[in-house]
Amino acid sequence: MPSEGLFGVHGAALEVRSQRMGVLASNIANASTPGFKARDIDFHSALATAETAMDTGGNASVTGSMRYRTASQPSLDGNTVELSTEQTAFAENAVAYQTTLSFLNGRIGQITRALKGE
């Protein structure tokens, strides 16, 4: 059963999106590093793991959801980062992160108003 706390699945989603942002940023930063293999996080798998960890009070690690990205045109030096793919994934993840954060801010505002009796 998914997390049904104050924030539902959104707390876990924010954590996973944050970790994915770091992985994508690392890919972009290493776009010209010979032999670097681009990685990504399987969001749905990582979210399920994070929800389970939150329900049991454990640590939400996305390590098991990390996958190497298959490049359509790997470079001759073995680097599999395709900058346009990484930038698109980063932008999409940033929008989703901001949306989740906005939802959580709205929820916190509702709770604050309820506590104040407004």
PDB file of N, CA and C in Angstrom:
ATOM      1  N   MET A   1       0.849  -1.187   0.000  1.00  0.00           N
ATOM      2  CA  MET A   1       0.000   0.000   0.000  1.00  0.00           C
ATOM      3  C   MET A   1       0.887   1.240   0.000  1.00  0.00           C
ATOM      4  N   PRO A   2       0.598   2.229  -0.843  1.00  0.00           N
ATOM      5  CA  PRO A   2       1.425   3.426  -0.901  1.00  0.00           C
ATOM      6  C   PRO A   2       1.329   4.260   0.358  1.00  0.00           C
ATOM      7  N   SER A   3       2.308   5.118   0.561  1.00  0.00           N
ATOM      8  CA  SER A   3       2.309   6.012   1.708  1.00  0.00           C
ATOM      9  C   SER A   3       1.041   6.839   1.725  1.00  0.00           C
ATOM     10  N   GLU A   4       0.389   6.884   2.867  1.00  0.00           N
ATOM     11  CA  GLU A   4      -0.843   7.651   2.997  1.00  0.00           C
ATOM     12  C   GLU A   4      -0.709   8.699   4.086  1.00  0.00           C
ATOM     13  N   GLY A   5       0.503   9.163   4.365  1.00  0.00           N
ATOM     14  CA  GLY A   5       0.722  10.176   5.383  1.00  0.00           C
ATOM     15  C   GLY A   5       0.187  11.525   4.932  1.00  0.00           C
ATOM     16  N   LEU A   6       0.644  12.570   5.581  1.00  0.00           N
ATOM     17  CA  LEU A   6       0.194  13.923   5.257  1.00  0.00           C
ATOM     18  C   LEU A   6       0.427  14.282   3.796  1.00  0.00           C
ATOM     19  N   PHE A   7       1.507  13.797   3.236  1.00  0.00           N
ATOM     20  CA  PHE A   7       1.877  14.203   1.887  1.00  0.00           C
ATOM     21  C   PHE A   7       1.702  13.096   0.863  1.00  0.00           C
ATOM     22  N   GLY A   8       1.234  11.944   1.276  1.00  0.00           N
ATOM     23  CA  GLY A   8       1.022  10.840   0.347  1.00  0.00           C
ATOM     24  C   GLY A   8       2.306  10.453  -0.356  1.00  0.00           C
ATOM     25  N   VAL A   9       2.190  10.184  -1.618  1.00  0.00           N
ATOM     26  CA  VAL A   9       3.319   9.728  -2.423  1.00  0.00           C
ATOM     27  C   VAL A   9       4.254  10.887  -2.790  1.00  0.00           C
ATOM     28  N   HIS A  10       3.805  12.113  -2.596  1.00  0.00           N
ATOM     29  CA  HIS A  10       4.567  13.266  -3.089  1.00  0.00           C
ATOM     30  C   HIS A  10       5.905  13.468  -2.380  1.00  0.00           C
ATOM     31  N   GLY A  11       6.001  13.133  -1.121  1.00  0.00           N
ATOM     32  CA  GLY A  11       7.286  13.236  -0.419  1.00  0.00           C
ATOM     33  C   GLY A  11       8.322  12.305  -1.010  1.00  0.00           C
ATOM     34  N   ALA A  12       7.899  11.077  -1.279  1.00  0.00           N
ATOM     35  CA  ALA A  12       8.809  10.097  -1.885  1.00  0.00           C
ATOM     36  C   ALA A  12       9.150  10.511  -3.313  1.00  0.00           C
ATOM     37  N   ALA A  13       8.166  11.022  -4.051  1.00  0.00           N
ATOM     38  CA  ALA A  13       8.411  11.443  -5.435  1.00  0.00           C
ATOM     39  C   ALA A  13       9.422  12.588  -5.483  1.00  0.00           C
ATOM     40  N   LEU A  14       9.319  13.516  -4.542  1.00  0.00           N
ATOM     41  CA  LEU A  14      10.258  14.635  -4.510  1.00  0.00           C
ATOM     42  C   LEU A  14      11.679  14.141  -4.253  1.00  0.00           C
ATOM     43  N   GLU A  15      11.829  13.187  -3.359  1.00  0.00           N
ATOM     44  CA  GLU A  15      13.150  12.621  -3.061  1.00  0.00           C
ATOM     45  C   GLU A  15      13.738  11.924  -4.287  1.00  0.00           C
ATOM     46  N   VAL A  16      12.932  11.117  -4.970  1.00  0.00           N
ATOM     47  CA  VAL A  16      13.413  10.396  -6.148  1.00  0.00           C
ATOM     48  C   VAL A  16      13.765  11.380  -7.265  1.00  0.00           C
ATOM     49  N   ARG A  17      12.924  12.371  -7.485  1.00  0.00           N
ATOM     50  CA  ARG A  17      13.209  13.370  -8.530  1.00  0.00           C
ATOM     51  C   ARG A  17      14.488  14.149  -8.212  1.00  0.00           C
ATOM     52  N   SER A  18      14.703  14.428  -6.937  1.00  0.00           N
ATOM     53  CA  SER A  18      15.918  15.125  -6.524  1.00  0.00           C
ATOM     54  C   SER A  18      17.154  14.283  -6.834  1.00  0.00           C
ATOM     55  N   GLN A  19      17.098  13.000  -6.502  1.00  0.00           N
ATOM     56  CA  GLN A  19      18.222  12.116  -6.777  1.00  0.00           C
ATOM     57  C   GLN A  19      18.436  11.942  -8.276  1.00  0.00           C
ATOM     58  N   ARG A  20      17.347  11.887  -9.024  1.00  0.00           N
ATOM     59  CA  ARG A  20      17.466  11.759 -10.485  1.00  0.00           C
ATOM     60  C   ARG A  20      18.100  13.016 -11.069  1.00  0.00           C
ATOM     61  N   MET A  21      17.767  14.171 -10.516  1.00  0.00           N
ATOM     62  CA  MET A  21      18.359  15.423 -10.988  1.00  0.00           C
ATOM     63  C   MET A  21      19.878  15.370 -10.840  1.00  0.00           C
ATOM     64  N   GLY A  22      20.355  14.818  -9.739  1.00  0.00           N
ATOM     65  CA  GLY A  22      21.792  14.688  -9.527  1.00  0.00           C
ATOM     66  C   GLY A  22      22.448  13.760 -10.536  1.00  0.00           C
ATOM     67  N   VAL A  23      21.797  12.658 -10.846  1.00  0.00           N
ATOM     68  CA  VAL A  23      22.338  11.696 -11.825  1.00  0.00           C
ATOM     69  C   VAL A  23      22.402  12.330 -13.210  1.00  0.00           C
ATOM     70  N   LEU A  24      21.341  13.015 -13.599  1.00  0.00           N
ATOM     71  CA  LEU A  24      21.316  13.658 -14.919  1.00  0.00           C
ATOM     72  C   LEU A  24      22.347  14.778 -15.003  1.00  0.00           C
ATOM     73  N   ALA A  25      22.510  15.529 -13.924  1.00  0.00           N
ATOM     74  CA  ALA A  25      23.517  16.597 -13.897  1.00  0.00           C
ATOM     75  C   ALA A  25      24.920  16.002 -14.024  1.00  0.00           C
ATOM     76  N   SER A  26      25.146  14.863 -13.398  1.00  0.00           N
ATOM     77  CA  SER A  26      26.433  14.180 -13.506  1.00  0.00           C
ATOM     78  C   SER A  26      26.694  13.742 -14.945  1.00  0.00           C
ATOM     79  N   ASN A  27      25.650  13.241 -15.600  1.00  0.00           N
ATOM     80  CA  ASN A  27      25.797  12.857 -17.007  1.00  0.00           C
ATOM     81  C   ASN A  27      26.208  14.058 -17.854  1.00  0.00           C
ATOM     82  N   ILE A  28      25.534  15.177 -17.660  1.00  0.00           N
ATOM     83  CA  ILE A  28      25.830  16.389 -18.435  1.00  0.00           C
ATOM     84  C   ILE A  28      27.251  16.868 -18.147  1.00  0.00           C
ATOM     85  N   ALA A  29      27.637  16.842 -16.881  1.00  0.00           N
ATOM     86  CA  ALA A  29      28.979  17.299 -16.505  1.00  0.00           C
ATOM     87  C   ALA A  29      30.077  16.427 -17.096  1.00  0.00           C
ATOM     88  N   ASN A  30      29.755  15.162 -17.346  1.00  0.00           N
ATOM     89  CA  ASN A  30      30.755  14.230 -17.880  1.00  0.00           C
ATOM     90  C   ASN A  30      30.576  13.949 -19.366  1.00  0.00           C
ATOM     91  N   ALA A  31      29.942  14.861 -20.068  1.00  0.00           N
ATOM     92  CA  ALA A  31      29.665  14.661 -21.498  1.00  0.00           C
ATOM     93  C   ALA A  31      30.934  14.485 -22.325  1.00  0.00           C
ATOM     94  N   SER A  32      32.051  15.029 -21.865  1.00  0.00           N
ATOM     95  CA  SER A  32      33.289  14.893 -22.645  1.00  0.00           C
ATOM     96  C   SER A  32      34.339  14.030 -21.938  1.00  0.00           C
ATOM     97  N   THR A  33      33.927  13.278 -20.927  1.00  0.00           N
ATOM     98  CA  THR A  33      34.842  12.392 -20.209  1.00  0.00           C
ATOM     99  C   THR A  33      34.947  11.061 -20.948  1.00  0.00           C
ATOM    100  N   PRO A  34      36.134  10.706 -21.416  1.00  0.00           N
ATOM    101  CA  PRO A  34      36.282   9.436 -22.143  1.00  0.00           C
ATOM    102  C   PRO A  34      35.847   8.240 -21.292  1.00  0.00           C
ATOM    103  N   GLY A  35      35.057   7.367 -21.893  1.00  0.00           N
ATOM    104  CA  GLY A  35      34.629   6.145 -21.226  1.00  0.00           C
ATOM    105  C   GLY A  35      33.485   6.302 -20.250  1.00  0.00           C
ATOM    106  N   PHE A  36      32.973   7.509 -20.058  1.00  0.00           N
ATOM    107  CA  PHE A  36      31.876   7.705 -19.098  1.00  0.00           C
ATOM    108  C   PHE A  36      30.596   7.097 -19.656  1.00  0.00           C
ATOM    109  N   LYS A  37      29.903   6.353 -18.815  1.00  0.00           N
ATOM    110  CA  LYS A  37      28.649   5.703 -19.209  1.00  0.00           C
ATOM    111  C   LYS A  37      27.488   6.465 -18.578  1.00  0.00           C
ATOM    112  N   ALA A  38      26.594   6.995 -19.420  1.00  0.00           N
ATOM    113  CA  ALA A  38      25.424   7.732 -18.938  1.00  0.00           C
ATOM    114  C   ALA A  38      24.496   6.804 -18.167  1.00  0.00           C
ATOM    115  N   ARG A  39      23.974   7.314 -17.058  1.00  0.00           N
ATOM    116  CA  ARG A  39      23.054   6.540 -16.226  1.00  0.00           C
ATOM    117  C   ARG A  39      21.753   7.326 -16.052  1.00  0.00           C
ATOM    118  N   ASP A  40      20.716   6.622 -15.649  1.00  0.00           N
ATOM    119  CA  ASP A  40      19.443   7.249 -15.325  1.00  0.00           C
ATOM    120  C   ASP A  40      18.762   6.391 -14.270  1.00  0.00           C
ATOM    121  N   ILE A  41      17.760   6.962 -13.667  1.00  0.00           N
ATOM    122  CA  ILE A  41      16.992   6.263 -12.644  1.00  0.00           C
ATOM    123  C   ILE A  41      15.648   5.883 -13.234  1.00  0.00           C
ATOM    124  N   ASP A  42      15.259   4.624 -13.071  1.00  0.00           N
ATOM    125  CA  ASP A  42      13.919   4.178 -13.448  1.00  0.00           C
ATOM    126  C   ASP A  42      12.976   4.745 -12.392  1.00  0.00           C
ATOM    127  N   PHE A  43      12.273   5.828 -12.744  1.00  0.00           N
ATOM    128  CA  PHE A  43      11.480   6.579 -11.770  1.00  0.00           C
ATOM    129  C   PHE A  43      10.444   5.707 -11.071  1.00  0.00           C
ATOM    130  N   HIS A  44       9.701   4.916 -11.820  1.00  0.00           N
ATOM    131  CA  HIS A  44       8.628   4.119 -11.216  1.00  0.00           C
ATOM    132  C   HIS A  44       9.170   3.085 -10.235  1.00  0.00           C
ATOM    133  N   SER A  45      10.252   2.440 -10.594  1.00  0.00           N
ATOM    134  CA  SER A  45      10.880   1.466  -9.703  1.00  0.00           C
ATOM    135  C   SER A  45      11.439   2.149  -8.454  1.00  0.00           C
ATOM    136  N   ALA A  46      12.094   3.287  -8.657  1.00  0.00           N
ATOM    137  CA  ALA A  46      12.672   4.017  -7.526  1.00  0.00           C
ATOM    138  C   ALA A  46      11.589   4.555  -6.609  1.00  0.00           C
ATOM    139  N   LEU A  47      10.467   5.002  -7.183  1.00  0.00           N
ATOM    140  CA  LEU A  47       9.370   5.512  -6.371  1.00  0.00           C
ATOM    141  C   LEU A  47       8.771   4.400  -5.513  1.00  0.00           C
ATOM    142  N   ALA A  48       8.603   3.224  -6.091  1.00  0.00           N
ATOM    143  CA  ALA A  48       8.085   2.089  -5.323  1.00  0.00           C
ATOM    144  C   ALA A  48       9.018   1.745  -4.166  1.00  0.00           C
ATOM    145  N   THR A  49      10.323   1.765  -4.433  1.00  0.00           N
ATOM    146  CA  THR A  49      11.312   1.487  -3.391  1.00  0.00           C
ATOM    147  C   THR A  49      11.263   2.564  -2.309  1.00  0.00           C
ATOM    148  N   ALA A  50      11.162   3.817  -2.713  1.00  0.00           N
ATOM    149  CA  ALA A  50      11.122   4.925  -1.757  1.00  0.00           C
ATOM    150  C   ALA A  50       9.860   4.873  -0.902  1.00  0.00           C
ATOM    151  N   GLU A  51       8.732   4.530  -1.509  1.00  0.00           N
ATOM    152  CA  GLU A  51       7.486   4.418  -0.744  1.00  0.00           C
ATOM    153  C   GLU A  51       7.589   3.319   0.302  1.00  0.00           C
ATOM    154  N   THR A  52       8.152   2.179  -0.100  1.00  0.00           N
ATOM    155  CA  THR A  52       8.328   1.069   0.841  1.00  0.00           C
ATOM    156  C   THR A  52       9.239   1.482   1.982  1.00  0.00           C
ATOM    157  N   ALA A  53      10.326   2.178   1.654  1.00  0.00           N
ATOM    158  CA  ALA A  53      11.258   2.634   2.681  1.00  0.00           C
ATOM    159  C   ALA A  53      10.587   3.611   3.636  1.00  0.00           C
ATOM    160  N   MET A  54       9.759   4.504   3.111  1.00  0.00           N
ATOM    161  CA  MET A  54       9.067   5.468   3.966  1.00  0.00           C
ATOM    162  C   MET A  54       8.069   4.757   4.878  1.00  0.00           C
ATOM    163  N   ASP A  55       7.365   3.740   4.342  1.00  0.00           N
ATOM    164  CA  ASP A  55       6.387   2.996   5.133  1.00  0.00           C
ATOM    165  C   ASP A  55       7.044   2.211   6.258  1.00  0.00           C
ATOM    166  N   THR A  56       8.258   1.708   6.010  1.00  0.00           N
ATOM    167  CA  THR A  56       8.936   0.890   7.009  1.00  0.00           C
ATOM    168  C   THR A  56       9.934   1.683   7.841  1.00  0.00           C
ATOM    169  N   GLY A  57      10.102   2.964   7.510  1.00  0.00           N
ATOM    170  CA  GLY A  57      11.041   3.800   8.258  1.00  0.00           C
ATOM    171  C   GLY A  57      12.485   3.591   7.850  1.00  0.00           C
ATOM    172  N   GLY A  58      12.695   2.972   6.693  1.00  0.00           N
ATOM    173  CA  GLY A  58      14.055   2.710   6.214  1.00  0.00           C
ATOM    174  C   GLY A  58      14.609   3.864   5.410  1.00  0.00           C
ATOM    175  N   ASN A  59      15.766   3.614   4.794  1.00  0.00           N
ATOM    176  CA  ASN A  59      16.442   4.614   3.983  1.00  0.00           C
ATOM    177  C   ASN A  59      16.041   4.431   2.523  1.00  0.00           C
ATOM    178  N   ALA A  60      15.645   5.527   1.869  1.00  0.00           N
ATOM    179  CA  ALA A  60      15.188   5.473   0.476  1.00  0.00           C
ATOM    180  C   ALA A  60      16.375   5.619  -0.467  1.00  0.00           C
ATOM    181  N   SER A  61      16.950   4.489  -0.875  1.00  0.00           N
ATOM    182  CA  SER A  61      18.075   4.509  -1.817  1.00  0.00           C
ATOM    183  C   SER A  61      17.572   4.093  -3.191  1.00  0.00           C
ATOM    184  N   VAL A  62      18.019   4.809  -4.212  1.00  0.00           N
ATOM    185  CA  VAL A  62      17.602   4.498  -5.584  1.00  0.00           C
ATOM    186  C   VAL A  62      18.642   3.674  -6.319  1.00  0.00           C
ATOM    187  N   THR A  63      19.634   3.181  -5.610  1.00  0.00           N
ATOM    188  CA  THR A  63      20.727   2.447  -6.240  1.00  0.00           C
ATOM    189  C   THR A  63      20.218   1.274  -7.075  1.00  0.00           C
ATOM    190  N   GLY A  64      19.240   0.552  -6.584  1.00  0.00           N
ATOM    191  CA  GLY A  64      18.705  -0.600  -7.318  1.00  0.00           C
ATOM    192  C   GLY A  64      17.920  -0.208  -8.556  1.00  0.00           C
ATOM    193  N   SER A  65      17.541   1.056  -8.653  1.00  0.00           N
ATOM    194  CA  SER A  65      16.763   1.538  -9.795  1.00  0.00           C
ATOM    195  C   SER A  65      17.628   2.254 -10.827  1.00  0.00           C
ATOM    196  N   MET A  66      18.934   2.253 -10.596  1.00  0.00           N
ATOM    197  CA  MET A  66      19.865   2.932 -11.505  1.00  0.00           C
ATOM    198  C   MET A  66      20.111   2.039 -12.717  1.00  0.00           C
ATOM    199  N   ARG A  67      20.033   2.643 -13.892  1.00  0.00           N
ATOM    200  CA  ARG A  67      20.257   1.905 -15.141  1.00  0.00           C
ATOM    201  C   ARG A  67      21.242   2.687 -16.008  1.00  0.00           C
ATOM    202  N   TYR A  68      22.023   1.961 -16.795  1.00  0.00           N
ATOM    203  CA  TYR A  68      22.882   2.614 -17.785  1.00  0.00           C
ATOM    204  C   TYR A  68      22.028   2.927 -19.001  1.00  0.00           C
ATOM    205  N   ARG A  69      22.231   4.119 -19.544  1.00  0.00           N
ATOM    206  CA  ARG A  69      21.484   4.542 -20.730  1.00  0.00           C
ATOM    207  C   ARG A  69      22.187   4.002 -21.976  1.00  0.00           C
ATOM    208  N   THR A  70      21.412   3.471 -22.899  1.00  0.00           N
ATOM    209  CA  THR A  70      21.956   2.979 -24.154  1.00  0.00           C
ATOM    210  C   THR A  70      21.980   4.129 -25.153  1.00  0.00           C
ATOM    211  N   ALA A  71      23.153   4.454 -25.625  1.00  0.00           N
ATOM    212  CA  ALA A  71      23.299   5.569 -26.565  1.00  0.00           C
ATOM    213  C   ALA A  71      22.979   5.111 -27.981  1.00  0.00           C
ATOM    214  N   SER A  72      22.304   5.983 -28.723  1.00  0.00           N
ATOM    215  CA  SER A  72      22.025   5.640 -30.119  1.00  0.00           C
ATOM    216  C   SER A  72      23.270   5.849 -30.988  1.00  0.00           C
ATOM    217  N   GLN A  73      24.150   6.777 -30.555  1.00  0.00           N
ATOM    218  CA  GLN A  73      25.410   7.003 -31.270  1.00  0.00           C
ATOM    219  C   GLN A  73      26.528   7.242 -30.255  1.00  0.00           C
ATOM    220  N   PRO A  74      27.066   6.165 -29.663  1.00  0.00           N
ATOM    221  CA  PRO A  74      28.152   6.364 -28.699  1.00  0.00           C
ATOM    222  C   PRO A  74      29.391   6.942 -29.383  1.00  0.00           C
ATOM    223  N   SER A  75      30.141   7.714 -28.636  1.00  0.00           N
ATOM    224  CA  SER A  75      31.337   8.328 -29.219  1.00  0.00           C
ATOM    225  C   SER A  75      32.463   7.308 -29.328  1.00  0.00           C
ATOM    226  N   LEU A  76      33.469   7.651 -30.077  1.00  0.00           N
ATOM    227  CA  LEU A  76      34.599   6.739 -30.299  1.00  0.00           C
ATOM    228  C   LEU A  76      35.396   6.480 -29.028  1.00  0.00           C
ATOM    229  N   ASP A  77      35.349   7.414 -28.070  1.00  0.00           N
ATOM    230  CA  ASP A  77      36.096   7.235 -26.822  1.00  0.00           C
ATOM    231  C   ASP A  77      35.321   6.439 -25.775  1.00  0.00           C
ATOM    232  N   GLY A  78      34.144   5.910 -26.150  1.00  0.00           N
ATOM    233  CA  GLY A  78      33.374   5.077 -25.235  1.00  0.00           C
ATOM    234  C   GLY A  78      32.384   5.831 -24.374  1.00  0.00           C
ATOM    235  N   ASN A  79      32.307   7.133 -24.514  1.00  0.00           N
ATOM    236  CA  ASN A  79      31.351   7.935 -23.747  1.00  0.00           C
ATOM    237  C   ASN A  79      29.961   7.751 -24.348  1.00  0.00           C
ATOM    238  N   THR A  80      28.961   7.457 -23.503  1.00  0.00           N
ATOM    239  CA  THR A  80      27.600   7.230 -24.002  1.00  0.00           C
ATOM    240  C   THR A  80      26.655   8.395 -23.710  1.00  0.00           C
ATOM    241  N   VAL A  81      27.174   9.534 -23.258  1.00  0.00           N
ATOM    242  CA  VAL A  81      26.323  10.691 -22.975  1.00  0.00           C
ATOM    243  C   VAL A  81      25.944  11.370 -24.285  1.00  0.00           C
ATOM    244  N   GLU A  82      24.658  11.511 -24.510  1.00  0.00           N
ATOM    245  CA  GLU A  82      24.139  12.286 -25.638  1.00  0.00           C
ATOM    246  C   GLU A  82      23.544  13.545 -25.030  1.00  0.00           C
ATOM    247  N   LEU A  83      24.223  14.649 -25.212  1.00  0.00           N
ATOM    248  CA  LEU A  83      23.900  15.888 -24.517  1.00  0.00           C
ATOM    249  C   LEU A  83      22.449  16.311 -24.696  1.00  0.00           C
ATOM    250  N   SER A  84      21.915  16.214 -25.897  1.00  0.00           N
ATOM    251  CA  SER A  84      20.528  16.636 -26.118  1.00  0.00           C
ATOM    252  C   SER A  84      19.544  15.759 -25.339  1.00  0.00           C
ATOM    253  N   THR A  85      19.808  14.466 -25.274  1.00  0.00           N
ATOM    254  CA  THR A  85      18.958  13.546 -24.507  1.00  0.00           C
ATOM    255  C   THR A  85      19.010  13.885 -23.029  1.00  0.00           C
ATOM    256  N   GLU A  86      20.202  14.132 -22.525  1.00  0.00           N
ATOM    257  CA  GLU A  86      20.373  14.440 -21.100  1.00  0.00           C
ATOM    258  C   GLU A  86      19.709  15.774 -20.742  1.00  0.00           C
ATOM    259  N   GLN A  87      19.879  16.777 -21.607  1.00  0.00           N
ATOM    260  CA  GLN A  87      19.286  18.079 -21.332  1.00  0.00           C
ATOM    261  C   GLN A  87      17.763  18.005 -21.349  1.00  0.00           C
ATOM    262  N   THR A  88      17.206  17.230 -22.264  1.00  0.00           N
ATOM    263  CA  THR A  88      15.750  17.055 -22.317  1.00  0.00           C
ATOM    264  C   THR A  88      15.248  16.347 -21.065  1.00  0.00           C
ATOM    265  N   ALA A  89      15.910  15.271 -20.675  1.00  0.00           N
ATOM    266  CA  ALA A  89      15.517  14.536 -19.467  1.00  0.00           C
ATOM    267  C   ALA A  89      15.639  15.417 -18.230  1.00  0.00           C
ATOM    268  N   PHE A  90      16.700  16.228 -18.173  1.00  0.00           N
ATOM    269  CA  PHE A  90      16.908  17.125 -17.041  1.00  0.00           C
ATOM    270  C   PHE A  90      15.781  18.150 -16.967  1.00  0.00           C
ATOM    271  N   ALA A  91      15.422  18.746 -18.108  1.00  0.00           N
ATOM    272  CA  ALA A  91      14.355  19.750 -18.136  1.00  0.00           C
ATOM    273  C   ALA A  91      13.013  19.140 -17.740  1.00  0.00           C
ATOM    274  N   GLU A  92      12.704  17.959 -18.260  1.00  0.00           N
ATOM    275  CA  GLU A  92      11.449  17.290 -17.904  1.00  0.00           C
ATOM    276  C   GLU A  92      11.404  16.966 -16.417  1.00  0.00           C
ATOM    277  N   ASN A  93      12.519  16.488 -15.884  1.00  0.00           N
ATOM    278  CA  ASN A  93      12.578  16.160 -14.468  1.00  0.00           C
ATOM    279  C   ASN A  93      12.454  17.417 -13.609  1.00  0.00           C
ATOM    280  N   ALA A  94      13.059  18.521 -14.057  1.00  0.00           N
ATOM    281  CA  ALA A  94      12.984  19.779 -13.311  1.00  0.00           C
ATOM    282  C   ALA A  94      11.547  20.288 -13.242  1.00  0.00           C
ATOM    283  N   VAL A  95      10.808  20.170 -14.338  1.00  0.00           N
ATOM    284  CA  VAL A  95       9.400  20.590 -14.345  1.00  0.00           C
ATOM    285  C   VAL A  95       8.582  19.711 -13.397  1.00  0.00           C
ATOM    286  N   ALA A  96       8.800  18.410 -13.459  1.00  0.00           N
ATOM    287  CA  ALA A  96       8.082  17.490 -12.573  1.00  0.00           C
ATOM    288  C   ALA A  96       8.448  17.746 -11.107  1.00  0.00           C
ATOM    289  N   TYR A  97       9.716  18.033 -10.842  1.00  0.00           N
ATOM    290  CA  TYR A  97      10.173  18.344  -9.485  1.00  0.00           C
ATOM    291  C   TYR A  97       9.463  19.600  -8.978  1.00  0.00           C
ATOM    292  N   GLN A  98       9.427  20.639  -9.805  1.00  0.00           N
ATOM    293  CA  GLN A  98       8.784  21.892  -9.423  1.00  0.00           C
ATOM    294  C   GLN A  98       7.289  21.702  -9.182  1.00  0.00           C
ATOM    295  N   THR A  99       6.647  20.884 -10.007  1.00  0.00           N
ATOM    296  CA  THR A  99       5.221  20.603  -9.840  1.00  0.00           C
ATOM    297  C   THR A  99       4.959  19.898  -8.512  1.00  0.00           C
ATOM    298  N   THR A 100       5.763  18.905  -8.204  1.00  0.00           N
ATOM    299  CA  THR A 100       5.622  18.182  -6.938  1.00  0.00           C
ATOM    300  C   THR A 100       5.878  19.110  -5.763  1.00  0.00           C
ATOM    301  N   LEU A 101       6.898  19.948  -5.878  1.00  0.00           N
ATOM    302  CA  LEU A 101       7.213  20.903  -4.817  1.00  0.00           C
ATOM    303  C   LEU A 101       6.070  21.894  -4.617  1.00  0.00           C
ATOM    304  N   SER A 102       5.471  22.367  -5.694  1.00  0.00           N
ATOM    305  CA  SER A 102       4.336  23.293  -5.591  1.00  0.00           C
ATOM    306  C   SER A 102       3.156  22.637  -4.890  1.00  0.00           C
ATOM    307  N   PHE A 103       2.904  21.362  -5.221  1.00  0.00           N
ATOM    308  CA  PHE A 103       1.822  20.646  -4.552  1.00  0.00           C
ATOM    309  C   PHE A 103       2.088  20.550  -3.053  1.00  0.00           C
ATOM    310  N   LEU A 104       3.315  20.185  -2.705  1.00  0.00           N
ATOM    311  CA  LEU A 104       3.658  20.063  -1.285  1.00  0.00           C
ATOM    312  C   LEU A 104       3.559  21.398  -0.563  1.00  0.00           C
ATOM    313  N   ASN A 105       3.997  22.481  -1.210  1.00  0.00           N
ATOM    314  CA  ASN A 105       3.869  23.806  -0.600  1.00  0.00           C
ATOM    315  C   ASN A 105       2.408  24.167  -0.371  1.00  0.00           C
ATOM    316  N   GLY A 106       1.550  23.821  -1.327  1.00  0.00           N
ATOM    317  CA  GLY A 106       0.117  24.058  -1.153  1.00  0.00           C
ATOM    318  C   GLY A 106      -0.453  23.262  -0.001  1.00  0.00           C
ATOM    319  N   ARG A 107      -0.028  22.016   0.103  1.00  0.00           N
ATOM    320  CA  ARG A 107      -0.501  21.147   1.203  1.00  0.00           C
ATOM    321  C   ARG A 107      -0.038  21.689   2.543  1.00  0.00           C
ATOM    322  N   ILE A 108       1.200  22.135   2.627  1.00  0.00           N
ATOM    323  CA  ILE A 108       1.727  22.711   3.873  1.00  0.00           C
ATOM    324  C   ILE A 108       0.946  23.975   4.223  1.00  0.00           C
ATOM    325  N   GLY A 109       0.613  24.788   3.213  1.00  0.00           N
ATOM    326  CA  GLY A 109      -0.190  25.980   3.445  1.00  0.00           C
ATOM    327  C   GLY A 109      -1.563  25.642   4.004  1.00  0.00           C
ATOM    328  N   GLN A 110      -2.185  24.582   3.486  1.00  0.00           N
ATOM    329  CA  GLN A 110      -3.492  24.144   3.987  1.00  0.00           C
ATOM    330  C   GLN A 110      -3.393  23.724   5.447  1.00  0.00           C
ATOM    331  N   ILE A 111      -2.367  22.968   5.757  1.00  0.00           N
ATOM    332  CA  ILE A 111      -2.186  22.488   7.128  1.00  0.00           C
ATOM    333  C   ILE A 111      -1.933  23.670   8.071  1.00  0.00           C
ATOM    334  N   THR A 112      -1.119  24.607   7.629  1.00  0.00           N
ATOM    335  CA  THR A 112      -0.819  25.798   8.446  1.00  0.00           C
ATOM    336  C   THR A 112      -2.096  26.599   8.710  1.00  0.00           C
ATOM    337  N   ARG A 113      -2.903  26.804   7.666  1.00  0.00           N
ATOM    338  CA  ARG A 113      -4.164  27.540   7.847  1.00  0.00           C
ATOM    339  C   ARG A 113      -5.110  26.791   8.779  1.00  0.00           C
ATOM    340  N   ALA A 114      -5.144  25.462   8.675  1.00  0.00           N
ATOM    341  CA  ALA A 114      -5.998  24.682   9.536  1.00  0.00           C
ATOM    342  C   ALA A 114      -5.552  24.784  10.996  1.00  0.00           C
ATOM    343  N   LEU A 115      -4.245  24.778  11.226  1.00  0.00           N
ATOM    344  CA  LEU A 115      -3.738  24.901  12.587  1.00  0.00           C
ATOM    345  C   LEU A 115      -4.009  26.277  13.186  1.00  0.00           C
ATOM    346  N   LYS A 116      -3.999  27.296  12.329  1.00  0.00           N
ATOM    347  CA  LYS A 116      -4.288  28.657  12.785  1.00  0.00           C
ATOM    348  C   LYS A 116      -5.789  28.889  12.955  1.00  0.00           C
ATOM    349  N   GLY A 117      -6.607  27.974  12.447  1.00  0.00           N
ATOM    350  CA  GLY A 117      -8.052  28.108  12.553  1.00  0.00           C
ATOM    351  C   GLY A 117      -8.650  29.037  11.514  1.00  0.00           C
ATOM    352  N   GLU A 118      -7.983  29.217  10.411  1.00  0.00           N
ATOM    353  CA  GLU A 118      -8.479  30.114   9.354  1.00  0.00           C
ATOM    354  C   GLU A 118      -9.475  29.413   8.470  1.00  0.00           C
TER     355      GLU A 118
END
